[in-house]
Amino acid sequence: MMLDKKQTPAIFLFKFKMGRKAVEATCNINSTYGLGAANECTVQCWFKKFCKEEESLEDKGHSSRPSDADNDQ
């Protein structure tokens, strides 16, 4: 079973509220949903957000290189 990107933050929050560490949560999620379902770095970023009492499950945009595509075409 593959998780979609809207389900994973809810699972991360659940694991955080249960007092799990990011490493433990990542291992547990991957053993349940399959290798690659959760990335440890991603889980750590979400846990840091939850530690700041930010429990919104909306993923903020990432700063990355602007697209080279011409959106007007």
Protein backbone atom coordinates (compact mmCIF):
# COMPACT_ATOMS: atom_id res chain seq x y z
CA MET A 1 0.00 0.00 0.00
CA MET A 2 1.42 3.34 -1.02
CA LEU A 3 0.65 6.47 0.95
CA ASP A 4 -0.24 9.69 -0.76
CA LYS A 5 1.38 12.97 0.22
CA LYS A 6 -1.70 14.14 2.14
CA GLN A 7 -1.75 11.09 4.42
CA THR A 8 1.87 11.11 5.53
CA PRO A 9 1.80 14.32 7.63
CA ALA A 10 -1.12 12.94 9.63
CA ILE A 11 0.84 9.76 10.34
CA PHE A 12 3.91 11.83 11.28
CA LEU A 13 1.80 13.88 13.71
CA PHE A 14 0.32 10.71 15.21
CA LYS A 15 3.79 9.25 15.79
CA PHE A 16 5.01 12.56 17.24
CA LYS A 17 2.06 12.73 19.67
CA MET A 18 2.85 9.17 20.77
CA GLY A 19 6.31 10.35 21.80
CA ARG A 20 8.22 8.52 19.10
CA LYS A 21 11.57 9.72 17.79
CA ALA A 22 11.86 10.55 14.09
CA VAL A 23 14.15 7.58 13.43
CA GLU A 24 11.78 5.18 15.16
CA ALA A 25 8.76 6.65 13.36
CA THR A 26 10.50 6.35 9.98
CA CYS A 27 11.38 2.69 10.58
CA ASN A 28 7.87 1.90 11.77
CA ILE A 29 6.19 3.63 8.81
CA ASN A 30 8.50 1.93 6.33
CA SER A 31 7.94 -1.50 7.88
CA THR A 32 4.19 -0.96 7.75
CA TYR A 33 3.77 0.68 4.34
CA GLY A 34 6.90 -0.46 2.52
CA LEU A 35 10.45 0.73 2.12
CA GLY A 36 10.52 4.33 0.95
CA ALA A 37 7.12 5.28 2.35
CA ALA A 38 8.86 7.71 4.72
CA ASN A 39 12.20 9.48 4.49
CA GLU A 40 14.02 10.10 7.78
CA CYS A 41 15.01 13.65 6.81
CA THR A 42 11.40 14.47 5.92
CA VAL A 43 10.11 13.01 9.19
CA GLN A 44 12.70 15.03 11.13
CA CYS A 45 11.58 18.25 9.40
CA TRP A 46 7.94 17.55 10.30
CA PHE A 47 8.86 16.68 13.91
CA LYS A 48 10.78 19.97 14.23
CA LYS A 49 7.66 21.79 13.01
CA PHE A 50 5.50 19.92 15.54
CA CYS A 51 7.97 20.78 18.34
CA LYS A 52 7.26 24.45 17.62
CA GLU A 53 3.57 23.67 18.23
CA GLU A 54 2.81 24.10 14.54
CA GLU A 55 0.42 21.26 13.93
CA SER A 56 -0.94 22.30 10.56
CA LEU A 57 -0.72 19.37 8.19
CA GLU A 58 -0.30 21.63 5.18
CA ASP A 59 3.13 21.34 3.64
CA LYS A 60 4.67 24.72 3.04
CA GLY A 61 6.17 25.31 -0.37
CA HIS A 62 9.80 24.56 -0.79
CA SER A 63 12.27 27.09 -2.04
CA SER A 64 13.86 25.72 -5.14
CA ARG A 65 15.16 26.91 -8.44
CA PRO A 66 12.54 28.63 -10.51
CA SER A 67 11.22 26.64 -13.42
CA ASP A 68 12.78 27.26 -16.82
CA ALA A 69 9.45 26.47 -18.43
CA ASP A 70 7.55 29.25 -20.15
CA ASN A 71 4.16 29.11 -18.41
CA ASP A 72 2.60 31.47 -20.97
CA GLN A 73 2.90 28.93 -23.79
